[in-house]
């Protein structure tokens, strides 16, 4: 009977030890999770903003190229007119 009582006391002692209050540890863990998720969200937002900047830069480059092409077309048309006039004058 003594052995059963000693075993029961040992089991109860382990049970009580296992039921410690870890709310402080749980709070720290939750805070770390929140900070990690916030950092990931911030990094995603920054990356998105940088991508928008690159896209805007590319759009401006494309617009500049289009204007340059239009200018070249006008210059070529003017040269064609001048060549036509030279051809008519030479006949």
N, C-alpha and C. Protein backbone atom coordinates (compact mmCIF):
# COMPACT_ATOMS: atom_id res chain seq x y z
N UNK A 1 0.81 -1.18 0.00
CA UNK A 1 0.00 0.00 0.00
C UNK A 1 0.87 1.27 0.00
N UNK A 2 2.02 1.16 0.71
CA UNK A 2 2.92 2.30 0.75
C UNK A 2 3.44 2.61 -0.66
N UNK A 3 3.74 1.57 -1.41
CA UNK A 3 4.28 1.76 -2.75
C UNK A 3 3.27 2.46 -3.64
N UNK A 4 2.01 2.10 -3.49
CA UNK A 4 0.96 2.74 -4.29
C UNK A 4 0.83 4.20 -3.90
N UNK A 5 0.89 4.49 -2.61
CA UNK A 5 0.77 5.87 -2.14
C UNK A 5 1.95 6.70 -2.63
N UNK A 6 3.15 6.13 -2.57
CA UNK A 6 4.34 6.86 -3.04
C UNK A 6 4.24 7.11 -4.55
N UNK A 7 3.80 6.10 -5.29
CA UNK A 7 3.64 6.26 -6.74
C UNK A 7 2.59 7.31 -7.05
N UNK A 8 1.50 7.31 -6.29
CA UNK A 8 0.43 8.29 -6.53
C UNK A 8 0.93 9.70 -6.25
N UNK A 9 1.70 9.87 -5.17
CA UNK A 9 2.25 11.19 -4.85
C UNK A 9 3.21 11.63 -5.94
N UNK A 10 4.04 10.72 -6.44
CA UNK A 10 4.98 11.07 -7.51
C UNK A 10 4.24 11.49 -8.77
N UNK A 11 3.19 10.76 -9.13
CA UNK A 11 2.41 11.10 -10.32
C UNK A 11 1.73 12.45 -10.14
N UNK A 12 1.16 12.69 -8.97
CA UNK A 12 0.51 13.98 -8.72
C UNK A 12 1.53 15.12 -8.77
N UNK A 13 2.72 14.86 -8.22
CA UNK A 13 3.77 15.89 -8.25
C UNK A 13 4.17 16.24 -9.67
N UNK A 14 4.32 15.23 -10.52
CA UNK A 14 4.65 15.48 -11.92
C UNK A 14 3.52 16.20 -12.64
N UNK A 15 2.30 15.83 -12.31
CA UNK A 15 1.13 16.47 -12.94
C UNK A 15 1.07 17.95 -12.59
N UNK A 16 1.30 18.25 -11.33
CA UNK A 16 1.27 19.66 -10.90
C UNK A 16 2.43 20.42 -11.55
N UNK A 17 3.59 19.80 -11.65
CA UNK A 17 4.74 20.47 -12.27
C UNK A 17 4.48 20.73 -13.75
N UNK A 18 3.76 19.82 -14.40
CA UNK A 18 3.48 19.98 -15.82
C UNK A 18 2.44 21.05 -16.09
N UNK A 19 1.69 21.41 -15.09
CA UNK A 19 0.62 22.40 -15.26
C UNK A 19 1.07 23.80 -14.88
N UNK A 20 2.29 24.13 -15.21
CA UNK A 20 2.78 25.47 -14.90
C UNK A 20 2.10 26.49 -15.80
N UNK A 21 2.05 27.70 -15.29
CA UNK A 21 1.46 28.79 -16.07
C UNK A 21 2.52 29.33 -17.03
N UNK A 22 2.36 29.10 -18.34
CA UNK A 22 3.32 29.63 -19.31
C UNK A 22 2.70 30.78 -20.10
N UNK A 23 1.83 31.52 -19.50
CA UNK A 23 1.20 32.61 -20.26
C UNK A 23 2.22 33.65 -20.71
N UNK A 24 3.27 33.87 -19.91
CA UNK A 24 4.29 34.84 -20.33
C UNK A 24 5.02 34.33 -21.57
N UNK A 25 5.38 33.05 -21.57
CA UNK A 25 6.04 32.47 -22.75
C UNK A 25 5.12 32.52 -23.97
N UNK A 26 3.84 32.20 -23.75
CA UNK A 26 2.88 32.23 -24.85
C UNK A 26 2.71 33.65 -25.39
N UNK A 27 2.72 34.64 -24.51
CA UNK A 27 2.58 36.04 -24.95
C UNK A 27 3.77 36.45 -25.79
N UNK A 28 4.98 36.05 -25.38
CA UNK A 28 6.19 36.39 -26.14
C UNK A 28 6.15 35.70 -27.50
N UNK A 29 5.71 34.46 -27.51
CA UNK A 29 5.62 33.74 -28.78
C UNK A 29 4.63 34.42 -29.73
N UNK A 30 3.49 34.83 -29.19
CA UNK A 30 2.49 35.52 -30.00
C UNK A 30 3.03 36.84 -30.52
N UNK A 31 3.74 37.57 -29.66
CA UNK A 31 4.31 38.85 -30.08
C UNK A 31 5.34 38.65 -31.19
N UNK A 32 6.17 37.62 -31.06
CA UNK A 32 7.17 37.34 -32.09
C UNK A 32 6.50 36.99 -33.42
N UNK A 33 5.42 36.23 -33.35
CA UNK A 33 4.69 35.86 -34.56
C UNK A 33 4.12 37.11 -35.23
N UNK A 34 3.54 37.98 -34.44
CA UNK A 34 2.94 39.21 -34.98
C UNK A 34 4.02 40.08 -35.62
N UNK A 35 5.19 40.19 -34.95
CA UNK A 35 6.27 41.01 -35.50
C UNK A 35 6.80 40.42 -36.81
N UNK A 36 6.91 39.10 -36.85
CA UNK A 36 7.40 38.45 -38.06
C UNK A 36 6.43 38.66 -39.22
N UNK A 37 5.13 38.52 -38.94
CA UNK A 37 4.13 38.72 -40.00
C UNK A 37 4.11 40.18 -40.45
N UNK A 38 4.27 41.11 -39.51
CA UNK A 38 4.28 42.54 -39.87
C UNK A 38 5.50 42.85 -40.74
N UNK A 39 6.64 42.25 -40.39
CA UNK A 39 7.84 42.48 -41.19
C UNK A 39 7.68 41.93 -42.59
N UNK A 40 7.06 40.76 -42.70
CA UNK A 40 6.82 40.18 -44.03
C UNK A 40 5.89 41.06 -44.84
N UNK A 41 4.84 41.59 -44.20
CA UNK A 41 3.92 42.47 -44.91
C UNK A 41 4.61 43.75 -45.36
N UNK A 42 5.47 44.29 -44.50
CA UNK A 42 6.20 45.51 -44.84
C UNK A 42 7.15 45.27 -46.01
N UNK A 43 7.85 44.14 -45.96
CA UNK A 43 8.77 43.82 -47.06
C UNK A 43 8.02 43.64 -48.37
N UNK A 44 6.85 43.02 -48.32
CA UNK A 44 6.05 42.85 -49.53
C UNK A 44 5.60 44.20 -50.08
N UNK A 45 5.20 45.09 -49.18
CA UNK A 45 4.76 46.42 -49.62
C UNK A 45 5.90 47.19 -50.25
N UNK A 46 7.09 47.10 -49.66
CA UNK A 46 8.25 47.81 -50.21
C UNK A 46 8.60 47.24 -51.58
N UNK A 47 8.58 45.93 -51.69
CA UNK A 47 8.89 45.30 -52.99
C UNK A 47 7.87 45.72 -54.03
N UNK A 48 6.59 45.78 -53.64
CA UNK A 48 5.55 46.21 -54.57
C UNK A 48 5.76 47.65 -55.02
N UNK A 49 6.17 48.51 -54.09
CA UNK A 49 6.42 49.91 -54.43
C UNK A 49 7.61 50.03 -55.38
N UNK A 50 8.66 49.24 -55.10
CA UNK A 50 9.81 49.28 -56.00
C UNK A 50 9.44 48.79 -57.39
N UNK A 51 8.59 47.78 -57.46
CA UNK A 51 8.14 47.28 -58.76
C UNK A 51 7.32 48.33 -59.50
N UNK A 52 6.52 49.09 -58.75
CA UNK A 52 5.75 50.17 -59.39
C UNK A 52 6.69 51.22 -59.98
N UNK A 53 7.76 51.52 -59.25
CA UNK A 53 8.72 52.50 -59.74
C UNK A 53 9.39 52.01 -61.02
N UNK A 54 9.74 50.75 -61.07
CA UNK A 54 10.36 50.18 -62.27
C UNK A 54 9.36 50.22 -63.43
N UNK A 55 8.11 49.87 -63.15
CA UNK A 55 7.09 49.87 -64.20
C UNK A 55 6.88 51.29 -64.74
N UNK A 56 6.85 52.27 -63.84
CA UNK A 56 6.68 53.66 -64.28
C UNK A 56 7.88 54.11 -65.12
N UNK A 57 9.07 53.71 -64.68
CA UNK A 57 10.27 54.07 -65.43
C UNK A 57 10.24 53.45 -66.83
N UNK A 58 9.82 52.19 -66.90
CA UNK A 58 9.71 51.53 -68.21
C UNK A 58 8.67 52.21 -69.09
N UNK A 59 7.56 52.63 -68.50
CA UNK A 59 6.52 53.31 -69.28
C UNK A 59 7.04 54.64 -69.82
N UNK A 60 7.80 55.36 -68.99
CA UNK A 60 8.36 56.63 -69.46
C UNK A 60 9.38 56.40 -70.58
N UNK A 61 10.18 55.35 -70.44
CA UNK A 61 11.13 55.02 -71.52
C UNK A 61 10.40 54.70 -72.81
N UNK A 62 9.32 53.93 -72.70
CA UNK A 62 8.55 53.57 -73.90
C UNK A 62 7.94 54.81 -74.54
N UNK A 63 7.43 55.72 -73.70
CA UNK A 63 6.85 56.96 -74.25
C UNK A 63 7.93 57.79 -74.94
N UNK A 64 9.11 57.87 -74.31
CA UNK A 64 10.21 58.61 -74.94
C UNK A 64 10.62 57.98 -76.26
N UNK A 65 10.65 56.65 -76.30
CA UNK A 65 11.00 55.97 -77.56
C UNK A 65 9.95 56.24 -78.63
N UNK A 66 8.68 56.26 -78.25
CA UNK A 66 7.62 56.54 -79.22
C UNK A 66 7.75 57.96 -79.78
N UNK A 67 8.05 58.91 -78.91
CA UNK A 67 8.24 60.29 -79.39
C UNK A 67 9.45 60.39 -80.31
N UNK A 68 10.50 59.69 -79.97
CA UNK A 68 11.69 59.70 -80.83
C UNK A 68 11.39 59.09 -82.18
N UNK A 69 10.64 57.99 -82.17
CA UNK A 69 10.25 57.35 -83.44
C UNK A 69 9.38 58.28 -84.27
N UNK A 70 8.46 58.99 -83.62
CA UNK A 70 7.61 59.93 -84.35
C UNK A 70 8.45 61.04 -84.96
N UNK A 71 9.42 61.53 -84.20
CA UNK A 71 10.31 62.58 -84.73
C UNK A 71 11.10 62.08 -85.92
N UNK A 72 11.58 60.85 -85.82
CA UNK A 72 12.32 60.27 -86.97
C UNK A 72 11.42 60.12 -88.18
N UNK A 73 10.19 59.74 -87.97
CA UNK A 73 9.26 59.60 -89.10
C UNK A 73 8.99 60.93 -89.76
N UNK A 74 8.84 61.96 -88.97
CA UNK A 74 8.61 63.31 -89.53
C UNK A 74 9.84 63.76 -90.32
N UNK A 75 11.01 63.51 -89.75
CA UNK A 75 12.24 63.88 -90.44
C UNK A 75 12.38 63.13 -91.77
N UNK A 76 12.06 61.84 -91.75
CA UNK A 76 12.13 61.06 -92.99
C UNK A 76 11.12 61.57 -94.02
N UNK A 77 9.93 61.93 -93.56
CA UNK A 77 8.91 62.45 -94.49
C UNK A 77 9.37 63.76 -95.10
N UNK A 78 9.99 64.61 -94.29
CA UNK A 78 10.48 65.89 -94.81
C UNK A 78 11.59 65.66 -95.84
N UNK A 79 12.44 64.68 -95.58
CA UNK A 79 13.50 64.37 -96.55
C UNK A 79 12.92 63.80 -97.84
N UNK A 80 11.85 63.00 -97.70
CA UNK A 80 11.20 62.46 -98.90
C UNK A 80 10.61 63.59 -99.75
N UNK A 81 10.00 64.57 -99.09
CA UNK A 81 9.43 65.71 -99.82
C UNK A 81 10.55 66.48 -100.52
N UNK A 82 11.65 66.70 -99.78
CA UNK A 82 12.77 67.43 -100.39
C UNK A 82 13.36 66.66 -101.56
N UNK A 83 13.47 65.34 -101.42
CA UNK A 83 13.99 64.54 -102.53
C UNK A 83 13.04 64.58 -103.73
N UNK A 84 11.76 64.56 -103.46
CA UNK A 84 10.78 64.65 -104.54
C UNK A 84 10.89 65.97 -105.28
N UNK A 85 11.09 67.03 -104.52
CA UNK A 85 11.22 68.35 -105.16
C UNK A 85 12.50 68.42 -106.01
N UNK A 86 13.56 67.81 -105.46
CA UNK A 86 14.82 67.81 -106.24
C UNK A 86 14.64 67.01 -107.52
N UNK A 87 13.90 65.90 -107.42
CA UNK A 87 13.68 65.08 -108.60
C UNK A 87 12.85 65.82 -109.65
N UNK A 88 11.84 66.55 -109.19
CA UNK A 88 10.99 67.31 -110.12
C UNK A 88 11.80 68.44 -110.74
N UNK A 89 12.61 69.11 -109.93
CA UNK A 89 13.39 70.24 -110.44
C UNK A 89 14.46 69.77 -111.43
N UNK A 90 14.96 68.54 -111.24
CA UNK A 90 16.01 68.03 -112.10
C UNK A 90 15.47 67.54 -113.45
N UNK A 91 14.18 67.40 -113.62
CA UNK A 91 13.64 66.88 -114.89
C UNK A 91 13.42 67.94 -115.88
